[in-house]
Amino acid sequence: MKPFHIAAAGLALTVAACAQPEPEPVYLQPIYEGKAGEPTCSAGYVLSTLESGALVCAPLPPA
């Protein structure tokens, strides 16, 4: 093997090892005001429903 091929393979392995998976979003619990209050979320979050049916505050996607 040529030194170029060895260096290219080493670089490819280094880059692949440093790759990180996409982070999972952090969900918050909605805020309920009063006895029969509607659920609301803090700034930067939007009310969403998970597959299980639970209401959560999901982060807004980046603009």
N, C-alpha and C. Protein backbone atom coordinates (compact mmCIF):
# COMPACT_ATOMS: atom_id res chain seq x y z
N MET A 1 0.84 -1.19 0.00
CA MET A 1 0.00 0.00 0.00
C MET A 1 0.88 1.24 0.00
N LYS A 2 0.39 2.24 -0.64
CA LYS A 2 1.12 3.50 -0.69
C LYS A 2 0.84 4.31 0.57
N PRO A 3 1.79 5.14 0.98
CA PRO A 3 1.58 5.97 2.17
C PRO A 3 0.33 6.85 2.06
N PHE A 4 0.01 7.30 0.85
CA PHE A 4 -1.20 8.12 0.67
C PHE A 4 -2.45 7.35 1.06
N HIS A 5 -2.54 6.10 0.64
CA HIS A 5 -3.71 5.28 0.96
C HIS A 5 -3.82 5.03 2.47
N ILE A 6 -2.68 4.82 3.10
CA ILE A 6 -2.68 4.59 4.55
C ILE A 6 -3.14 5.86 5.28
N ALA A 7 -2.64 7.01 4.84
CA ALA A 7 -3.03 8.28 5.47
C ALA A 7 -4.51 8.56 5.23
N ALA A 8 -5.01 8.31 4.03
CA ALA A 8 -6.42 8.55 3.72
C ALA A 8 -7.32 7.64 4.56
N ALA A 9 -6.91 6.38 4.71
CA ALA A 9 -7.71 5.46 5.53
C ALA A 9 -7.69 5.90 6.99
N GLY A 10 -6.55 6.34 7.47
CA GLY A 10 -6.47 6.83 8.85
C GLY A 10 -7.33 8.04 9.08
N LEU A 11 -7.33 8.97 8.13
CA LEU A 11 -8.18 10.16 8.23
C LEU A 11 -9.65 9.78 8.21
N ALA A 12 -10.04 8.87 7.34
CA ALA A 12 -11.44 8.43 7.27
C ALA A 12 -11.88 7.78 8.58
N LEU A 13 -11.04 6.96 9.16
CA LEU A 13 -11.38 6.32 10.44
C LEU A 13 -11.49 7.34 11.56
N THR A 14 -10.60 8.34 11.55
CA THR A 14 -10.65 9.38 12.58
C THR A 14 -11.94 10.18 12.49
N VAL A 15 -12.33 10.57 11.28
CA VAL A 15 -13.56 11.35 11.09
C VAL A 15 -14.78 10.52 11.48
N ALA A 16 -14.80 9.26 11.11
CA ALA A 16 -15.93 8.39 11.46
C ALA A 16 -16.04 8.19 12.96
N ALA A 17 -14.92 8.12 13.65
CA ALA A 17 -14.94 7.92 15.10
C ALA A 17 -15.44 9.16 15.83
N CYS A 18 -15.24 10.33 15.24
CA CYS A 18 -15.65 11.58 15.89
C CYS A 18 -17.10 11.94 15.61
N ALA A 19 -17.74 11.28 14.67
CA ALA A 19 -19.13 11.58 14.33
C ALA A 19 -20.02 11.25 15.52
N GLN A 20 -20.94 12.15 15.85
CA GLN A 20 -21.84 11.95 16.97
C GLN A 20 -23.27 11.83 16.47
N PRO A 21 -24.08 10.98 17.13
CA PRO A 21 -25.48 10.88 16.73
C PRO A 21 -26.23 12.17 17.07
N GLU A 22 -27.33 12.39 16.37
CA GLU A 22 -28.15 13.58 16.62
C GLU A 22 -28.77 13.48 18.02
N PRO A 23 -28.71 14.55 18.81
CA PRO A 23 -29.24 14.48 20.17
C PRO A 23 -30.77 14.36 20.19
N GLU A 24 -31.28 13.69 21.20
CA GLU A 24 -32.72 13.57 21.39
C GLU A 24 -33.28 14.89 21.92
N PRO A 25 -34.47 15.30 21.50
CA PRO A 25 -35.04 16.54 22.04
C PRO A 25 -35.42 16.37 23.51
N VAL A 26 -35.33 17.47 24.25
CA VAL A 26 -35.68 17.47 25.67
C VAL A 26 -37.11 17.96 25.80
N TYR A 27 -37.98 17.13 26.34
CA TYR A 27 -39.39 17.50 26.50
C TYR A 27 -39.63 17.99 27.92
N LEU A 28 -40.47 19.00 28.07
CA LEU A 28 -40.86 19.52 29.38
C LEU A 28 -42.33 19.24 29.60
N GLN A 29 -42.75 19.28 30.87
CA GLN A 29 -44.16 19.13 31.20
C GLN A 29 -44.87 20.45 30.98
N PRO A 30 -46.07 20.44 30.41
CA PRO A 30 -46.81 21.69 30.24
C PRO A 30 -47.23 22.28 31.59
N ILE A 31 -47.49 23.58 31.60
CA ILE A 31 -47.91 24.29 32.80
C ILE A 31 -49.43 24.43 32.74
N TYR A 32 -50.11 24.04 33.80
CA TYR A 32 -51.57 24.16 33.90
C TYR A 32 -51.87 25.23 34.95
N GLU A 33 -52.61 26.26 34.54
CA GLU A 33 -52.96 27.33 35.47
C GLU A 33 -54.42 27.18 35.88
N GLY A 34 -54.68 27.23 37.18
CA GLY A 34 -56.05 27.10 37.69
C GLY A 34 -56.51 25.66 37.72
N LYS A 35 -57.75 25.45 38.16
CA LYS A 35 -58.28 24.09 38.28
C LYS A 35 -58.52 23.44 36.92
N ALA A 36 -59.07 24.19 35.96
CA ALA A 36 -59.35 23.63 34.64
C ALA A 36 -58.57 24.40 33.58
N GLY A 37 -57.36 24.78 33.91
CA GLY A 37 -56.56 25.60 33.00
C GLY A 37 -56.10 24.85 31.76
N GLU A 38 -55.90 25.60 30.71
CA GLU A 38 -55.38 25.03 29.49
C GLU A 38 -53.86 24.85 29.64
N PRO A 39 -53.31 23.81 29.04
CA PRO A 39 -51.86 23.62 29.13
C PRO A 39 -51.12 24.66 28.29
N THR A 40 -50.04 25.21 28.83
CA THR A 40 -49.20 26.16 28.11
C THR A 40 -47.75 25.74 28.27
N CYS A 41 -46.90 26.31 27.42
CA CYS A 41 -45.47 26.00 27.46
C CYS A 41 -44.65 27.27 27.62
N SER A 42 -43.44 27.11 28.12
CA SER A 42 -42.52 28.23 28.25
C SER A 42 -42.09 28.72 26.87
N ALA A 43 -41.45 29.90 26.84
CA ALA A 43 -40.94 30.45 25.58
C ALA A 43 -39.91 29.49 24.99
N GLY A 44 -39.98 29.30 23.70
CA GLY A 44 -39.05 28.40 23.02
C GLY A 44 -39.55 26.97 22.90
N TYR A 45 -40.75 26.71 23.44
CA TYR A 45 -41.34 25.37 23.39
C TYR A 45 -42.76 25.47 22.84
N VAL A 46 -43.23 24.39 22.23
CA VAL A 46 -44.58 24.34 21.68
C VAL A 46 -45.27 23.08 22.21
N LEU A 47 -46.57 23.18 22.44
CA LEU A 47 -47.34 22.05 22.95
C LEU A 47 -47.42 20.96 21.88
N SER A 48 -47.12 19.73 22.27
CA SER A 48 -47.09 18.63 21.33
C SER A 48 -47.64 17.38 22.01
N THR A 49 -48.02 16.39 21.22
CA THR A 49 -48.52 15.13 21.74
C THR A 49 -47.58 14.01 21.29
N LEU A 50 -47.14 13.19 22.24
CA LEU A 50 -46.29 12.05 21.91
C LEU A 50 -47.12 10.92 21.34
N GLU A 51 -46.46 9.89 20.80
CA GLU A 51 -47.16 8.72 20.27
C GLU A 51 -47.99 8.03 21.34
N SER A 52 -47.56 8.15 22.61
CA SER A 52 -48.29 7.52 23.71
C SER A 52 -49.53 8.31 24.10
N GLY A 53 -49.69 9.54 23.53
CA GLY A 53 -50.84 10.36 23.84
C GLY A 53 -50.57 11.40 24.92
N ALA A 54 -49.37 11.41 25.48
CA ALA A 54 -49.03 12.36 26.54
C ALA A 54 -48.78 13.74 25.96
N LEU A 55 -49.26 14.78 26.66
CA LEU A 55 -49.00 16.16 26.26
C LEU A 55 -47.64 16.58 26.82
N VAL A 56 -46.81 17.15 25.97
CA VAL A 56 -45.48 17.62 26.38
C VAL A 56 -45.19 18.94 25.70
N CYS A 57 -44.18 19.63 26.20
CA CYS A 57 -43.68 20.84 25.56
C CYS A 57 -42.41 20.46 24.82
N ALA A 58 -42.45 20.51 23.49
CA ALA A 58 -41.32 20.15 22.65
C ALA A 58 -40.58 21.41 22.23
N PRO A 59 -39.26 21.35 22.11
CA PRO A 59 -38.51 22.53 21.69
C PRO A 59 -38.86 22.92 20.26
N LEU A 60 -38.87 24.22 19.99
CA LEU A 60 -39.13 24.70 18.64
C LEU A 60 -37.96 24.33 17.75
N PRO A 61 -38.23 24.00 16.49
CA PRO A 61 -37.12 23.68 15.59
C PRO A 61 -36.28 24.92 15.32
N PRO A 62 -34.99 24.73 15.04
CA PRO A 62 -34.15 25.90 14.76
C PRO A 62 -34.63 26.63 13.52
N ALA A 63 -34.51 27.94 13.56
CA ALA A 63 -34.99 28.75 12.43
C ALA A 63 -34.04 28.76 11.29
